[in-house]
Amino acid sequence: MIIGFYLIINTRFRFLYLASSNGIANAQPGSFSDAFSFSVQTMATISYGAMYPTNTYTHILVTIEVFIGLIAMAMITRLMFARFSVPTARVLFSKVAVISPYNGIRTLMFRIANQRQNWIVETQVRVTLSINKEISAEGHSLPKNCGYAPPLLRG
């Protein structure tokens, strides 16, 4: 996508440079490759070699293209940084949990720790409790029905 954007912008500026006859010094008149090369040198802010702008129209185009090139480079840098700088969670849960009153309500409590050296800001952690056994009225441990009903066999 970045390469495509780069090629499209340089190709469009190539046509604008070709609109001015003799606007680029030492370039073949009407040469698509020279105009494209000049556009690439301008957008990348590479110093000019043998080719350089010779008239006001070309100087204005160079100014506009350099500005667009700098803005595009800043946006690409921002996108790449945002893409690769997303932190990953490194949360450690305690092996022991307790049920204890908290504000008058029996509450399941455990500890959470950050395994990274830096601070975590605006942290949100979602915990799901899964119980796979039920205790009957008589105190027996029974497997909990998890929504799967086996088919009935009729004989």
Protein backbone atom coordinates (compact mmCIF):
# COMPACT_ATOMS: atom_id res chain seq x y z
CA MET A 1 0.00 0.00 0.00
CA ILE A 2 2.82 2.43 0.87
CA ILE A 3 4.71 1.60 -2.31
CA GLY A 4 1.54 2.04 -4.37
CA PHE A 5 0.90 5.46 -2.81
CA TYR A 6 4.51 6.47 -3.47
CA LEU A 7 4.34 5.39 -7.13
CA ILE A 8 0.98 7.10 -7.74
CA ILE A 9 2.12 10.43 -6.28
CA ASN A 10 5.43 10.40 -8.18
CA THR A 11 3.66 9.46 -11.43
CA ARG A 12 1.19 12.35 -11.03
CA PHE A 13 4.00 14.82 -10.39
CA ARG A 14 5.88 13.39 -13.39
CA PHE A 15 2.98 14.49 -15.63
CA LEU A 16 2.95 17.94 -13.99
CA TYR A 17 6.71 18.32 -14.61
CA LEU A 18 6.22 17.28 -18.24
CA ALA A 19 3.63 20.06 -18.67
CA SER A 20 6.47 22.59 -18.49
CA SER A 21 8.86 22.43 -21.40
CA ASN A 22 12.48 22.77 -20.23
CA GLY A 23 11.42 23.05 -16.58
CA ILE A 24 14.06 20.51 -15.52
CA ALA A 25 17.67 21.24 -16.45
CA ASN A 26 19.63 18.46 -18.22
CA ALA A 27 16.49 16.33 -18.70
CA GLN A 28 15.49 14.98 -22.11
CA PRO A 29 12.47 17.03 -23.31
CA GLY A 30 9.33 14.90 -22.92
CA SER A 31 11.24 12.05 -21.15
CA PHE A 32 8.93 10.19 -18.79
CA SER A 33 11.83 8.50 -17.00
CA ASP A 34 13.70 11.77 -16.38
CA ALA A 35 10.56 13.47 -15.05
CA PHE A 36 9.80 10.46 -12.80
CA SER A 37 13.40 10.36 -11.54
CA PHE A 38 13.25 14.08 -10.79
CA SER A 39 9.98 13.57 -8.92
CA VAL A 40 11.49 10.76 -6.82
CA GLN A 41 14.54 12.90 -5.99
CA THR A 42 12.29 15.80 -5.01
CA MET A 43 9.87 13.80 -2.83
CA ALA A 44 12.68 11.97 -1.06
CA THR A 45 14.48 15.32 -0.54
CA ILE A 46 17.60 13.86 -2.14
CA SER A 47 19.92 16.60 -3.29
CA TYR A 48 19.74 17.20 -7.02
CA GLY A 49 22.52 15.91 -9.22
CA ALA A 50 22.55 17.05 -12.83
CA MET A 51 18.78 17.76 -12.92
CA TYR A 52 17.34 20.77 -11.11
CA PRO A 53 14.33 23.12 -11.55
CA THR A 54 14.85 25.99 -14.01
CA ASN A 55 11.64 28.05 -14.02
CA THR A 56 9.06 29.39 -11.55
CA TYR A 57 6.43 26.75 -12.43
CA THR A 58 8.85 23.91 -11.65
CA HIS A 59 10.04 25.61 -8.44
CA ILE A 60 6.42 25.85 -7.25
CA LEU A 61 5.84 22.17 -8.09
CA VAL A 62 9.02 21.22 -6.23
CA THR A 63 7.84 23.16 -3.16
CA ILE A 64 4.43 21.46 -3.23
CA GLU A 65 5.94 18.01 -3.77
CA VAL A 66 8.46 18.40 -0.94
CA PHE A 67 5.64 19.46 1.41
CA ILE A 68 3.49 16.48 0.36
CA GLY A 69 6.51 14.17 0.73
CA LEU A 70 7.22 15.38 4.27
CA ILE A 71 3.57 15.03 5.32
CA ALA A 72 3.36 11.55 3.74
CA MET A 73 6.57 10.44 5.49
CA ALA A 74 5.23 11.70 8.84
CA MET A 75 1.94 9.83 8.33
CA ILE A 76 3.69 6.62 7.28
CA THR A 77 6.02 6.84 10.28
CA ARG A 78 3.04 7.37 12.58
CA LEU A 79 1.17 4.39 11.11
CA MET A 80 4.19 2.10 11.36
CA PHE A 81 4.91 3.19 14.94
CA ALA A 82 1.28 2.72 15.97
CA ARG A 83 1.21 -0.71 14.36
CA PHE A 84 4.35 -2.07 16.03
CA SER A 85 4.21 -0.29 19.39
CA VAL A 86 0.98 -1.85 20.70
CA PRO A 87 1.82 -3.32 24.13
CA THR A 88 0.91 -6.88 24.93
CA ALA A 89 -0.61 -7.86 28.24
CA ARG A 90 1.62 -9.64 30.71
CA VAL A 91 -0.65 -10.18 33.69
CA LEU A 92 0.04 -12.70 36.43
CA PHE A 93 -2.80 -14.10 38.54
CA SER A 94 -2.29 -15.55 42.03
CA LYS A 95 -2.58 -19.32 42.44
CA VAL A 96 -4.71 -18.93 45.56
CA ALA A 97 -8.14 -17.29 45.74
CA VAL A 98 -10.21 -16.67 48.82
CA ILE A 99 -13.88 -16.06 49.51
CA SER A 100 -14.27 -13.37 52.11
CA PRO A 101 -16.78 -10.66 53.01
CA TYR A 102 -16.24 -7.33 51.24
CA ASN A 103 -18.72 -4.53 51.94
CA GLY A 104 -20.98 -7.08 53.56
CA ILE A 105 -21.08 -9.41 50.51
CA ARG A 106 -19.25 -12.72 50.12
CA THR A 107 -16.69 -12.03 47.42
CA LEU A 108 -14.17 -14.11 45.49
CA MET A 109 -10.80 -12.33 45.79
CA PHE A 110 -7.39 -12.93 44.23
CA ARG A 111 -4.31 -10.90 43.34
CA ILE A 112 -3.23 -9.62 39.93
CA ALA A 113 0.30 -8.44 39.14
CA ASN A 114 1.96 -6.71 36.20
CA GLN A 115 4.92 -8.69 34.83
CA ARG A 116 6.26 -5.69 32.89
CA GLN A 117 8.63 -3.11 34.39
CA ASN A 118 6.53 -0.12 33.28
CA TRP A 119 3.29 1.25 34.72
CA ILE A 120 -0.10 0.22 33.38
CA VAL A 121 -2.51 3.11 32.87
CA GLU A 122 -6.31 2.74 32.70
CA THR A 123 -6.15 -1.03 33.07
CA GLN A 124 -9.18 -3.18 32.44
CA VAL A 125 -9.09 -6.90 33.18
CA ARG A 126 -11.99 -9.26 32.53
CA VAL A 127 -12.17 -12.44 34.58
CA THR A 128 -14.55 -15.33 33.89
CA LEU A 129 -15.36 -17.88 36.57
CA SER A 130 -16.21 -21.33 35.31
CA ILE A 131 -17.76 -23.82 37.70
CA ASN A 132 -18.02 -27.36 36.45
CA LYS A 133 -19.61 -28.94 39.56
CA GLU A 134 -22.77 -28.31 41.56
CA ILE A 135 -23.30 -29.11 45.20
CA SER A 136 -26.60 -30.85 45.88
CA ALA A 137 -28.82 -30.13 48.89
CA GLU A 138 -27.34 -33.19 50.54
CA GLY A 139 -23.76 -31.84 50.03
CA HIS A 140 -22.77 -34.14 47.14
CA SER A 141 -20.65 -32.85 44.28
CA LEU A 142 -22.41 -33.34 40.94
CA PRO A 143 -21.22 -32.49 37.42
CA LYS A 144 -22.86 -29.32 36.18
CA ASN A 145 -24.97 -29.49 33.02
CA CYS A 146 -23.17 -27.27 30.52
CA GLY A 147 -25.97 -27.15 27.96
CA TYR A 148 -25.20 -30.43 26.21
CA ALA A 149 -28.03 -32.92 26.36
CA PRO A 150 -27.08 -36.38 25.06
CA PRO A 151 -29.68 -38.02 22.83
CA LEU A 152 -32.10 -40.37 24.58
CA LEU A 153 -31.73 -44.04 23.74
CA ARG A 154 -35.03 -45.87 23.42
CA GLY A 155 -35.11 -49.53 23.38
